[in-house]
Amino acid sequence: MTMKLYGSITSPYVRKVRITLIEKKIDFQLEQSYLTGTPPMIDGVNPLGKVPALELVDGTLIFDSAVIVDYLEGLNPVGHLIPDDRHQRMLVKRWESLADGMLDAAVLVLLESRRENPVERSQAWIDKQQGKVDRTMAYLAQQLADHNWCHGDGFTLADIAVGTALLWIEFRFPSNDWRQRYPNLDRLAHKLMQRESFQETLPPG
């Protein structure tokens, strides 16, 4: 038996977990579970109605991408993505937290912008969330500076988290010119897209 990963192939949070699984060479089965429908498919798996969810071979369910990747890191020594040292681990997880928070805000911008009734759409809310995206992206670029990787001298979970966030924003907001504004983030994204794990998890379209 293999673990089951519940989620959509377009979800950046699911992609982060898929990339981690591929990098660590852990077998898994992707179960397409959408947030749409009445009730949404994922509600039968995760009471929070969110993706991803990981079902272990013994039936245990793990929720939230950050918790899942943390579990996976200890499951297989191949593809070491999180340092053992407490302080270094915190620094990597901080990158992940920033990237996930930027994604959370970007998702809210997308959902609010998609409201069918313009009267119900709050531009003030959109602007507030977009401000979070813009500030966080600028901070990430500042922290990356001229380094090759987000943390240390090699590929880590920090790069996975930042890469999936940036590439999802590009996927959903083609007019966002972050590649031009932040050449160092652009270089990182190009480097990440050369990895098999990022190629295999490209969303369709």
N, C-alpha and C. Protein backbone atom coordinates (compact mmCIF):
# COMPACT_ATOMS: atom_id res chain seq x y z
N MET A 1 0.83 -1.20 0.00
CA MET A 1 0.00 0.00 0.00
C MET A 1 0.87 1.26 0.00
N THR A 2 0.34 2.32 -0.58
CA THR A 2 1.04 3.60 -0.61
C THR A 2 0.18 4.67 0.04
N MET A 3 0.82 5.74 0.42
CA MET A 3 0.08 6.86 1.00
C MET A 3 -0.77 7.53 -0.08
N LYS A 4 -1.87 8.14 0.35
CA LYS A 4 -2.75 8.86 -0.56
C LYS A 4 -2.69 10.35 -0.26
N LEU A 5 -2.47 11.13 -1.30
CA LEU A 5 -2.46 12.58 -1.17
C LEU A 5 -3.72 13.12 -1.81
N TYR A 6 -4.55 13.77 -1.01
CA TYR A 6 -5.80 14.33 -1.50
C TYR A 6 -5.60 15.80 -1.83
N GLY A 7 -6.01 16.17 -3.06
CA GLY A 7 -5.88 17.56 -3.45
C GLY A 7 -6.01 17.77 -4.94
N SER A 8 -5.99 19.02 -5.34
CA SER A 8 -6.09 19.40 -6.74
C SER A 8 -4.71 19.63 -7.33
N ILE A 9 -4.55 19.32 -8.60
CA ILE A 9 -3.25 19.49 -9.25
C ILE A 9 -2.92 20.96 -9.49
N THR A 10 -3.90 21.85 -9.32
CA THR A 10 -3.63 23.27 -9.48
C THR A 10 -3.34 23.97 -8.15
N SER A 11 -3.53 23.28 -7.04
CA SER A 11 -3.29 23.89 -5.73
C SER A 11 -1.80 24.02 -5.46
N PRO A 12 -1.32 25.22 -5.11
CA PRO A 12 0.10 25.37 -4.80
C PRO A 12 0.50 24.66 -3.51
N TYR A 13 -0.44 24.55 -2.58
CA TYR A 13 -0.15 23.85 -1.32
C TYR A 13 0.04 22.35 -1.58
N VAL A 14 -0.80 21.82 -2.46
CA VAL A 14 -0.67 20.41 -2.86
C VAL A 14 0.62 20.22 -3.64
N ARG A 15 0.94 21.17 -4.50
CA ARG A 15 2.17 21.05 -5.30
C ARG A 15 3.39 21.02 -4.40
N LYS A 16 3.39 21.82 -3.34
CA LYS A 16 4.52 21.82 -2.41
C LYS A 16 4.73 20.43 -1.83
N VAL A 17 3.65 19.77 -1.47
CA VAL A 17 3.75 18.41 -0.91
C VAL A 17 4.18 17.42 -1.98
N ARG A 18 3.63 17.54 -3.19
CA ARG A 18 4.00 16.64 -4.28
C ARG A 18 5.48 16.75 -4.60
N ILE A 19 5.99 17.97 -4.65
CA ILE A 19 7.42 18.17 -4.91
C ILE A 19 8.25 17.53 -3.81
N THR A 20 7.83 17.71 -2.57
CA THR A 20 8.55 17.11 -1.44
C THR A 20 8.57 15.59 -1.56
N LEU A 21 7.45 15.00 -1.88
CA LEU A 21 7.36 13.54 -2.04
C LEU A 21 8.29 13.06 -3.15
N ILE A 22 8.31 13.77 -4.26
CA ILE A 22 9.16 13.38 -5.39
C ILE A 22 10.63 13.53 -5.03
N GLU A 23 10.99 14.64 -4.40
CA GLU A 23 12.39 14.87 -4.02
C GLU A 23 12.87 13.82 -3.04
N LYS A 24 11.98 13.35 -2.18
CA LYS A 24 12.37 12.37 -1.17
C LYS A 24 12.13 10.94 -1.64
N LYS A 25 11.68 10.81 -2.90
CA LYS A 25 11.49 9.49 -3.53
C LYS A 25 10.55 8.61 -2.70
N ILE A 26 9.44 9.20 -2.29
CA ILE A 26 8.42 8.49 -1.53
C ILE A 26 7.23 8.21 -2.45
N ASP A 27 6.83 6.97 -2.54
CA ASP A 27 5.69 6.60 -3.38
C ASP A 27 4.39 7.14 -2.78
N PHE A 28 3.52 7.61 -3.65
CA PHE A 28 2.21 8.09 -3.19
C PHE A 28 1.22 8.02 -4.34
N GLN A 29 -0.04 8.08 -3.98
CA GLN A 29 -1.12 8.09 -4.97
C GLN A 29 -1.88 9.40 -4.82
N LEU A 30 -2.02 10.14 -5.91
CA LEU A 30 -2.74 11.41 -5.87
C LEU A 30 -4.22 11.15 -6.10
N GLU A 31 -5.03 11.54 -5.13
CA GLU A 31 -6.48 11.42 -5.22
C GLU A 31 -7.04 12.82 -5.47
N GLN A 32 -7.53 13.03 -6.70
CA GLN A 32 -8.05 14.35 -7.04
C GLN A 32 -9.26 14.69 -6.16
N SER A 33 -9.12 15.74 -5.39
CA SER A 33 -10.18 16.18 -4.48
C SER A 33 -10.34 17.68 -4.62
N TYR A 34 -11.54 18.09 -4.99
CA TYR A 34 -11.75 19.50 -5.31
C TYR A 34 -12.48 20.23 -4.18
N LEU A 35 -12.32 21.55 -4.17
CA LEU A 35 -12.97 22.38 -3.16
C LEU A 35 -14.35 22.83 -3.61
N THR A 36 -14.73 22.45 -4.84
CA THR A 36 -16.04 22.81 -5.36
C THR A 36 -17.00 21.65 -5.20
N GLY A 37 -18.27 21.89 -5.55
CA GLY A 37 -19.29 20.85 -5.42
C GLY A 37 -20.11 21.07 -4.16
N THR A 38 -21.22 20.33 -4.06
CA THR A 38 -22.10 20.44 -2.90
C THR A 38 -22.41 19.06 -2.35
N PRO A 39 -21.74 18.65 -1.26
CA PRO A 39 -20.66 19.38 -0.59
C PRO A 39 -19.34 19.17 -1.35
N PRO A 40 -18.34 20.00 -1.09
CA PRO A 40 -17.03 19.81 -1.73
C PRO A 40 -16.47 18.42 -1.44
N MET A 41 -15.78 17.84 -2.42
CA MET A 41 -15.25 16.48 -2.28
C MET A 41 -14.34 16.34 -1.07
N ILE A 42 -13.54 17.37 -0.80
CA ILE A 42 -12.54 17.26 0.26
C ILE A 42 -13.17 17.21 1.64
N ASP A 43 -14.43 17.66 1.77
CA ASP A 43 -15.08 17.68 3.09
C ASP A 43 -15.17 16.29 3.70
N GLY A 44 -15.22 15.27 2.86
CA GLY A 44 -15.30 13.90 3.37
C GLY A 44 -13.98 13.40 3.91
N VAL A 45 -12.91 14.14 3.65
CA VAL A 45 -11.57 13.75 4.11
C VAL A 45 -11.08 14.67 5.21
N ASN A 46 -11.20 15.96 4.97
CA ASN A 46 -10.71 16.97 5.92
C ASN A 46 -11.88 17.80 6.41
N PRO A 47 -12.20 17.78 7.70
CA PRO A 47 -13.33 18.56 8.21
C PRO A 47 -13.17 20.06 7.99
N LEU A 48 -11.93 20.52 7.78
CA LEU A 48 -11.69 21.93 7.50
C LEU A 48 -12.02 22.28 6.05
N GLY A 49 -12.20 21.26 5.21
CA GLY A 49 -12.51 21.50 3.80
C GLY A 49 -11.36 22.11 3.03
N LYS A 50 -10.12 21.75 3.41
CA LYS A 50 -8.94 22.32 2.77
C LYS A 50 -8.05 21.21 2.23
N VAL A 51 -7.28 21.56 1.20
CA VAL A 51 -6.27 20.65 0.66
C VAL A 51 -4.90 21.26 0.93
N PRO A 52 -3.89 20.39 1.06
CA PRO A 52 -3.90 18.93 0.90
C PRO A 52 -4.22 18.22 2.21
N ALA A 53 -4.50 16.92 2.05
CA ALA A 53 -4.58 16.01 3.18
C ALA A 53 -3.82 14.76 2.77
N LEU A 54 -3.06 14.21 3.68
CA LEU A 54 -2.28 13.00 3.41
C LEU A 54 -2.78 11.87 4.27
N GLU A 55 -3.13 10.76 3.63
CA GLU A 55 -3.58 9.57 4.35
C GLU A 55 -2.45 8.55 4.39
N LEU A 56 -2.01 8.21 5.58
CA LEU A 56 -0.94 7.24 5.75
C LEU A 56 -1.48 5.83 5.51
N VAL A 57 -0.58 4.87 5.40
CA VAL A 57 -0.99 3.50 5.09
C VAL A 57 -1.85 2.91 6.21
N ASP A 58 -1.73 3.44 7.43
CA ASP A 58 -2.55 2.93 8.53
C ASP A 58 -3.87 3.67 8.67
N GLY A 59 -4.14 4.59 7.73
CA GLY A 59 -5.39 5.33 7.75
C GLY A 59 -5.33 6.67 8.44
N THR A 60 -4.22 6.98 9.10
CA THR A 60 -4.08 8.28 9.76
C THR A 60 -4.09 9.40 8.72
N LEU A 61 -4.84 10.45 9.01
CA LEU A 61 -4.92 11.59 8.11
C LEU A 61 -4.13 12.77 8.68
N ILE A 62 -3.33 13.40 7.83
CA ILE A 62 -2.55 14.57 8.22
C ILE A 62 -3.04 15.76 7.41
N PHE A 63 -3.27 16.88 8.09
CA PHE A 63 -3.78 18.07 7.43
C PHE A 63 -2.76 19.21 7.46
N ASP A 64 -2.84 20.05 6.44
CA ASP A 64 -2.02 21.25 6.28
C ASP A 64 -0.66 20.88 5.68
N SER A 65 -0.31 21.60 4.63
CA SER A 65 0.91 21.27 3.89
C SER A 65 2.16 21.38 4.76
N ALA A 66 2.21 22.36 5.67
CA ALA A 66 3.39 22.52 6.51
C ALA A 66 3.58 21.33 7.44
N VAL A 67 2.48 20.82 7.98
CA VAL A 67 2.56 19.64 8.87
C VAL A 67 2.96 18.41 8.06
N ILE A 68 2.40 18.29 6.86
CA ILE A 68 2.68 17.13 6.02
C ILE A 68 4.15 17.07 5.63
N VAL A 69 4.70 18.18 5.14
CA VAL A 69 6.11 18.14 4.71
C VAL A 69 7.04 17.92 5.89
N ASP A 70 6.66 18.40 7.05
CA ASP A 70 7.46 18.17 8.25
C ASP A 70 7.50 16.68 8.57
N TYR A 71 6.35 16.03 8.43
CA TYR A 71 6.28 14.58 8.66
C TYR A 71 7.11 13.83 7.63
N LEU A 72 6.99 14.22 6.37
CA LEU A 72 7.70 13.53 5.30
C LEU A 72 9.22 13.64 5.45
N GLU A 73 9.68 14.76 5.98
CA GLU A 73 11.12 14.96 6.15
C GLU A 73 11.71 13.89 7.06
N GLY A 74 10.97 13.50 8.08
CA GLY A 74 11.48 12.49 9.00
C GLY A 74 11.23 11.07 8.55
N LEU A 75 10.53 10.93 7.43
CA LEU A 75 10.16 9.59 6.96
C LEU A 75 11.25 8.94 6.14
N ASN A 76 12.04 9.76 5.45
CA ASN A 76 13.03 9.23 4.53
C ASN A 76 14.25 10.15 4.52
N PRO A 77 15.45 9.62 4.77
CA PRO A 77 16.65 10.46 4.79
C PRO A 77 17.06 10.97 3.41
N VAL A 78 16.50 10.39 2.35
CA VAL A 78 16.82 10.83 0.99
C VAL A 78 16.26 12.24 0.78
N GLY A 79 17.02 13.07 0.10
CA GLY A 79 16.56 14.42 -0.21
C GLY A 79 16.32 15.24 1.03
N HIS A 80 17.34 15.40 1.85
CA HIS A 80 17.24 16.14 3.11
C HIS A 80 16.83 17.59 2.82
N LEU A 81 15.67 18.00 3.31
CA LEU A 81 15.12 19.31 2.96
C LEU A 81 15.04 20.29 4.13
N ILE A 82 15.12 19.77 5.36
CA ILE A 82 15.03 20.62 6.55
C ILE A 82 16.22 20.31 7.45
N PRO A 83 17.00 21.30 7.82
CA PRO A 83 18.18 21.05 8.67
C PRO A 83 17.80 20.45 10.02
N ASP A 84 18.72 19.71 10.60
CA ASP A 84 18.51 19.13 11.92
C ASP A 84 18.71 20.16 13.02
N ASP A 85 19.64 21.07 12.82
CA ASP A 85 19.91 22.10 13.81
C ASP A 85 18.66 22.96 14.05
N ARG A 86 18.34 23.19 15.30
CA ARG A 86 17.09 23.88 15.65
C ARG A 86 17.00 25.27 15.03
N HIS A 87 18.07 26.04 15.12
CA HIS A 87 18.04 27.40 14.59
C HIS A 87 17.94 27.40 13.07
N GLN A 88 18.72 26.56 12.41
CA GLN A 88 18.68 26.48 10.95
C GLN A 88 17.32 25.97 10.47
N ARG A 89 16.76 25.05 11.22
CA ARG A 89 15.43 24.53 10.90
C ARG A 89 14.39 25.66 10.96
N MET A 90 14.50 26.47 12.01
CA MET A 90 13.59 27.60 12.15
C MET A 90 13.69 28.54 10.97
N LEU A 91 14.90 28.80 10.49
CA LEU A 91 15.09 29.71 9.37
C LEU A 91 14.44 29.18 8.10
N VAL A 92 14.57 27.88 7.87
CA VAL A 92 13.92 27.28 6.70
C VAL A 92 12.41 27.35 6.83
N LYS A 93 11.90 27.03 8.02
CA LYS A 93 10.45 27.05 8.23
C LYS A 93 9.91 28.49 8.16
N ARG A 94 10.75 29.46 8.48
CA ARG A 94 10.33 30.86 8.36
C ARG A 94 10.09 31.22 6.90
N TRP A 95 11.00 30.78 6.02
CA TRP A 95 10.78 30.97 4.58
C TRP A 95 9.44 30.35 4.17
N GLU A 96 9.20 29.13 4.65
CA GLU A 96 7.96 28.45 4.29
C GLU A 96 6.75 29.23 4.78
N SER A 97 6.82 29.73 6.01
CA SER A 97 5.71 30.49 6.58
C SER A 97 5.43 31.75 5.77
N LEU A 98 6.47 32.45 5.36
CA LEU A 98 6.30 33.65 4.55
C LEU A 98 5.68 33.32 3.19
N ALA A 99 6.19 32.27 2.55
CA ALA A 99 5.67 31.88 1.24
C ALA A 99 4.22 31.44 1.34
N ASP A 100 3.89 30.66 2.36
CA ASP A 100 2.51 30.21 2.54
C ASP A 100 1.58 31.38 2.85
N GLY A 101 2.05 32.32 3.67
CA GLY A 101 1.24 33.49 3.98
C GLY A 101 1.00 34.35 2.76
N MET A 102 2.01 34.50 1.92
CA MET A 102 1.85 35.24 0.67
C MET A 102 0.82 34.56 -0.22
N LEU A 103 0.88 33.24 -0.26
CA LEU A 103 -0.10 32.47 -1.03
C LEU A 103 -1.50 32.66 -0.48
N ASP A 104 -1.64 32.60 0.84
CA ASP A 104 -2.96 32.78 1.45
C ASP A 104 -3.59 34.09 1.00
N ALA A 105 -2.80 35.16 1.02
CA ALA A 105 -3.30 36.47 0.62
C ALA A 105 -3.63 36.50 -0.87
N ALA A 106 -2.78 35.88 -1.70
CA ALA A 106 -3.02 35.86 -3.14
C ALA A 106 -4.29 35.07 -3.48
N VAL A 107 -4.53 33.99 -2.76
CA VAL A 107 -5.75 33.20 -2.97
C VAL A 107 -6.97 34.05 -2.64
N LEU A 108 -6.91 34.82 -1.56
CA LEU A 108 -8.03 35.68 -1.18
C LEU A 108 -8.28 36.75 -2.24
N VAL A 109 -7.22 37.28 -2.83
CA VAL A 109 -7.38 38.24 -3.93
C VAL A 109 -8.12 37.59 -5.09
N LEU A 110 -7.72 36.38 -5.44
CA LEU A 110 -8.34 35.67 -6.55
C LEU A 110 -9.82 35.41 -6.29
N LEU A 111 -10.13 34.91 -5.10
CA LEU A 111 -11.52 34.58 -4.77
C LEU A 111 -12.40 35.82 -4.76
N GLU A 112 -11.90 36.90 -4.18
CA GLU A 112 -12.69 38.13 -4.12
C GLU A 112 -12.89 38.71 -5.52
N SER A 113 -11.89 38.62 -6.36
CA SER A 113 -11.98 39.15 -7.72
C SER A 113 -12.95 38.36 -8.57
N ARG A 114 -13.20 37.12 -8.18
CA ARG A 114 -14.07 36.24 -8.97
C ARG A 114 -15.55 36.33 -8.57
N ARG A 115 -15.87 37.16 -7.60
CA ARG A 115 -17.28 37.31 -7.22
C ARG A 115 -18.08 37.75 -8.44
N GLU A 116 -19.17 37.03 -8.72
CA GLU A 116 -19.95 37.32 -9.92
C GLU A 116 -20.64 38.68 -9.85
N ASN A 117 -21.09 39.03 -8.65
CA ASN A 117 -21.79 40.31 -8.48
C ASN A 117 -20.78 41.38 -8.08
N PRO A 118 -20.52 42.35 -8.96
CA PRO A 118 -19.54 43.39 -8.64
C PRO A 118 -19.88 44.17 -7.38
N VAL A 119 -21.18 44.26 -7.06
CA VAL A 119 -21.60 45.00 -5.88
C VAL A 119 -21.06 44.34 -4.61
N GLU A 120 -20.94 43.00 -4.65
CA GLU A 120 -20.47 42.26 -3.49
C GLU A 120 -18.94 42.23 -3.39
N ARG A 121 -18.28 42.71 -4.42
CA ARG A 121 -16.83 42.67 -4.47
C ARG A 121 -16.24 43.86 -3.70
N SER A 122 -15.30 43.59 -2.82
CA SER A 122 -14.69 44.66 -2.02
C SER A 122 -13.29 44.97 -2.55
N GLN A 123 -13.16 46.12 -3.18
CA GLN A 123 -11.84 46.52 -3.68
C GLN A 123 -10.89 46.81 -2.52
N ALA A 124 -11.45 47.31 -1.42
CA ALA A 124 -10.62 47.58 -0.25
C ALA A 124 -10.00 46.30 0.29
N TRP A 125 -10.79 45.22 0.28
CA TRP A 125 -10.30 43.91 0.74
C TRP A 125 -9.23 43.38 -0.21
N ILE A 126 -9.48 43.52 -1.51
CA ILE A 126 -8.51 43.09 -2.51
C ILE A 126 -7.20 43.85 -2.33
N ASP A 127 -7.30 45.16 -2.16
CA ASP A 127 -6.10 45.98 -2.00
C ASP A 127 -5.32 45.60 -0.75
N LYS A 128 -6.05 45.29 0.32
CA LYS A 128 -5.39 44.91 1.57
C LYS A 128 -4.60 43.63 1.41
N GLN A 129 -5.23 42.63 0.77
CA GLN A 129 -4.55 41.35 0.57
C GLN A 129 -3.40 41.48 -0.43
N GLN A 130 -3.62 42.28 -1.48
CA GLN A 130 -2.55 42.47 -2.47
C GLN A 130 -1.36 43.16 -1.83
N GLY A 131 -1.62 44.04 -0.87
CA GLY A 131 -0.53 44.68 -0.16
C GLY A 131 0.33 43.67 0.58
N LYS A 132 -0.31 42.66 1.16
CA LYS A 132 0.43 41.60 1.84
C LYS A 132 1.31 40.84 0.86
N VAL A 133 0.74 40.55 -0.31
CA VAL A 133 1.50 39.84 -1.35
C VAL A 133 2.72 40.66 -1.76
N ASP A 134 2.50 41.93 -2.04
CA ASP A 134 3.58 42.79 -2.53
C ASP A 134 4.68 42.97 -1.49
N ARG A 135 4.28 43.20 -0.24
CA ARG A 135 5.28 43.41 0.82
C ARG A 135 6.09 42.15 1.07
N THR A 136 5.40 41.01 1.07
CA THR A 136 6.09 39.75 1.34
C THR A 136 7.04 39.40 0.21
N MET A 137 6.60 39.61 -1.03
CA MET A 137 7.47 39.31 -2.16
C MET A 137 8.73 40.18 -2.13
N ALA A 138 8.56 41.44 -1.79
CA ALA A 138 9.71 42.34 -1.69
C ALA A 138 10.65 41.87 -0.58
N TYR A 139 10.08 41.41 0.51
CA TYR A 139 10.90 40.92 1.63
C TYR A 139 11.65 39.65 1.24
N LEU A 140 10.98 38.75 0.53
CA LEU A 140 11.64 37.52 0.08
C LEU A 140 12.81 37.85 -0.84
N ALA A 141 12.60 38.79 -1.75
CA ALA A 141 13.67 39.19 -2.67
C ALA A 141 14.84 39.80 -1.90
N GLN A 142 14.51 40.60 -0.90
CA GLN A 142 15.56 41.22 -0.08
C GLN A 142 16.36 40.16 0.67
N GLN A 143 15.66 39.17 1.22
CA GLN A 143 16.32 38.11 1.98
C GLN A 143 17.17 37.21 1.07
N LEU A 144 16.67 36.95 -0.13
CA LEU A 144 17.42 36.11 -1.07
C LEU A 144 18.70 36.81 -1.52
N ALA A 145 18.59 38.12 -1.75
CA ALA A 145 19.73 38.93 -2.18
C ALA A 145 20.42 38.27 -3.38
N ASP A 146 21.73 38.05 -3.31
CA ASP A 146 22.45 37.45 -4.43
C ASP A 146 22.81 35.99 -4.17
N HIS A 147 22.11 35.37 -3.21
CA HIS A 147 22.36 33.96 -2.90
C HIS A 147 21.76 33.06 -3.98
N ASN A 148 22.32 31.88 -4.11
CA ASN A 148 21.80 30.92 -5.09
C ASN A 148 20.54 30.22 -4.60
N TRP A 149 20.44 30.06 -3.28
CA TRP A 149 19.30 29.35 -2.69
C TRP A 149 18.75 30.19 -1.54
N CYS A 150 17.52 29.90 -1.15
CA CYS A 150 16.89 30.67 -0.08
C CYS A 150 17.63 30.50 1.24
N HIS A 151 18.09 29.28 1.51
CA HIS A 151 18.77 29.04 2.79
C HIS A 151 20.02 28.20 2.55
N GLY A 152 21.13 28.68 3.05
CA GLY A 152 22.36 27.91 2.96
C GLY A 152 22.88 27.76 1.54
N ASP A 153 23.60 26.67 1.34
CA ASP A 153 24.28 26.45 0.06
C ASP A 153 23.60 25.42 -0.83
N GLY A 154 22.39 25.00 -0.47
CA GLY A 154 21.74 23.98 -1.27
C GLY A 154 20.22 24.08 -1.24
N PHE A 155 19.59 23.23 -2.00
CA PHE A 155 18.15 23.17 -2.16
C PHE A 155 17.49 22.67 -0.87
N THR A 156 16.49 23.41 -0.39
CA THR A 156 15.77 23.02 0.82
C THR A 156 14.27 23.24 0.64
N LEU A 157 13.54 22.94 1.70
CA LEU A 157 12.10 23.20 1.71
C LEU A 157 11.80 24.67 1.47
N ALA A 158 12.70 25.54 1.90
CA ALA A 158 12.50 26.98 1.68
C ALA A 158 12.33 27.29 0.20
N ASP A 159 13.15 26.66 -0.64
CA ASP A 159 13.07 26.88 -2.09
C ASP A 159 11.78 26.31 -2.66
N ILE A 160 11.38 25.16 -2.16
CA ILE A 160 10.12 24.56 -2.62
C ILE A 160 8.96 25.49 -2.32
N ALA A 161 8.90 25.99 -1.09
CA ALA A 161 7.79 26.84 -0.68
C ALA A 161 7.76 28.15 -1.46
N VAL A 162 8.90 28.79 -1.58
CA VAL A 162 8.97 30.06 -2.31
C VAL A 162 8.69 29.84 -3.79
N GLY A 163 9.27 28.80 -4.36
CA GLY A 163 9.06 28.51 -5.77
C GLY A 163 7.62 28.22 -6.12
N THR A 164 6.95 27.40 -5.33
CA THR A 164 5.56 27.07 -5.62
C THR A 164 4.68 28.31 -5.49
N ALA A 165 4.98 29.17 -4.51
CA ALA A 165 4.19 30.38 -4.33
C ALA A 165 4.36 31.33 -5.52
N LEU A 166 5.59 31.58 -5.91
CA LEU A 166 5.84 32.49 -7.02
C LEU A 166 5.23 31.98 -8.32
N LEU A 167 5.39 30.70 -8.58
CA LEU A 167 4.90 30.14 -9.84
C LEU A 167 3.38 30.08 -9.87
N TRP A 168 2.74 29.91 -8.71
CA TRP A 168 1.27 29.94 -8.69
C TRP A 168 0.77 31.35 -8.95
N ILE A 169 1.42 32.34 -8.37
CA ILE A 169 1.03 33.73 -8.62
C ILE A 169 1.17 34.06 -10.10
N GLU A 170 2.23 33.57 -10.72
CA GLU A 170 2.40 33.78 -12.16
C GLU A 170 1.31 33.06 -12.95
N PHE A 171 0.92 31.87 -12.50
CA PHE A 171 -0.10 31.06 -13.15
C PHE A 171 -1.47 31.74 -13.09
N ARG A 172 -1.82 32.30 -11.93
CA ARG A 172 -3.14 32.89 -11.72
C ARG A 172 -3.20 34.38 -12.04
N PHE A 173 -2.07 35.05 -11.97
CA PHE A 173 -2.02 36.50 -12.22
C PHE A 173 -0.92 36.79 -13.25
N PRO A 174 -1.17 36.47 -14.52
CA PRO A 174 -0.14 36.64 -15.56
C PRO A 174 0.40 38.07 -15.68
N SER A 175 -0.40 39.04 -15.27
CA SER A 175 0.04 40.43 -15.39
C SER A 175 0.99 40.85 -14.27
N ASN A 176 1.13 40.02 -13.25
CA ASN A 176 2.06 40.34 -12.16
C ASN A 176 3.49 40.22 -12.69
N ASP A 177 4.21 41.32 -12.65
CA ASP A 177 5.54 41.37 -13.28
C ASP A 177 6.67 41.12 -12.28
N TRP A 178 6.47 40.18 -11.35
CA TRP A 178 7.49 39.96 -10.33
C TRP A 178 8.84 39.54 -10.92
N ARG A 179 8.84 38.89 -12.05
CA ARG A 179 10.13 38.48 -12.66
C ARG A 179 10.95 39.71 -13.06
N GLN A 180 10.27 40.75 -13.55
CA GLN A 180 10.98 41.96 -13.94
C GLN A 180 11.40 42.78 -12.71
N ARG A 181 10.54 42.81 -11.71
CA ARG A 181 10.83 43.61 -10.52
C ARG A 181 11.91 42.98 -9.65
N TYR A 182 11.95 41.66 -9.65
CA TYR A 182 12.89 40.96 -8.77
C TYR A 182 13.69 39.92 -9.56
N PRO A 183 14.74 40.34 -10.25
CA PRO A 183 15.53 39.42 -11.07
C PRO A 183 16.10 38.24 -10.27
N ASN A 184 16.37 38.44 -8.99
CA ASN A 184 16.91 37.32 -8.21
C ASN A 184 15.86 36.24 -7.98
N LEU A 185 14.59 36.64 -7.79
CA LEU A 185 13.52 35.65 -7.67
C LEU A 185 13.29 34.95 -9.01
N ASP A 186 13.45 35.70 -10.09
CA ASP A 186 13.33 35.12 -11.43
C ASP A 186 14.41 34.07 -11.64
N ARG A 187 15.64 34.35 -11.24
CA ARG A 187 16.73 33.38 -11.39
C ARG A 187 16.45 32.13 -10.56
N LEU A 188 15.94 32.32 -9.35
CA LEU A 188 15.61 31.17 -8.51
C LEU A 188 14.53 30.31 -9.17
N ALA A 189 13.50 30.96 -9.70
CA ALA A 189 12.41 30.23 -10.34
C ALA A 189 12.91 29.43 -11.55
N HIS A 190 13.78 30.04 -12.34
CA HIS A 190 14.35 29.33 -13.50
C HIS A 190 15.14 28.11 -13.04
N LYS A 191 15.90 28.26 -12.00
CA LYS A 191 16.70 27.15 -11.48
C LYS A 191 15.81 26.02 -10.97
N LEU A 192 14.74 26.39 -10.28
CA LEU A 192 13.84 25.38 -9.73
C LEU A 192 13.12 24.63 -10.84
N MET A 193 12.78 25.33 -11.91
CA MET A 193 12.06 24.69 -13.00
C MET A 193 12.93 23.71 -13.78
N GLN A 194 14.20 23.67 -13.50
CA GLN A 194 15.07 22.67 -14.12
C GLN A 194 15.02 21.34 -13.37
N ARG A 195 14.40 21.35 -12.20
CA ARG A 195 14.32 20.13 -11.40
C ARG A 195 13.15 19.27 -11.86
N GLU A 196 13.36 17.98 -11.85
CA GLU A 196 12.32 17.04 -12.29
C GLU A 196 11.05 17.21 -11.47
N SER A 197 11.20 17.45 -10.17
CA SER A 197 10.03 17.55 -9.30
C SER A 197 9.14 18.73 -9.68
N PHE A 198 9.73 19.83 -10.09
CA PHE A 198 8.94 20.99 -10.50
C PHE A 198 8.32 20.77 -11.88
N GLN A 199 9.05 20.10 -12.76
CA GLN A 199 8.52 19.81 -14.09
C GLN A 199 7.32 18.87 -14.02
N GLU A 200 7.44 17.85 -13.18
CA GLU A 200 6.37 16.84 -13.08
C GLU A 200 5.10 17.39 -12.46
N THR A 201 5.20 18.48 -11.72
CA THR A 201 4.03 19.00 -11.01
C THR A 201 3.48 20.28 -11.62
N LEU A 202 3.88 20.59 -12.83
CA LEU A 202 3.35 21.77 -13.51
C LEU A 202 1.83 21.66 -13.64
N PRO A 203 1.09 22.71 -13.28
CA PRO A 203 -0.37 22.67 -13.49
C PRO A 203 -0.69 22.74 -14.98
N PRO A 204 -1.80 22.18 -15.40
CA PRO A 204 -2.16 22.21 -16.83
C PRO A 204 -2.53 23.62 -17.28
N GLY A 205 -2.34 23.86 -18.57
CA GLY A 205 -2.74 25.14 -19.12
C GLY A 205 -1.63 26.16 -19.16
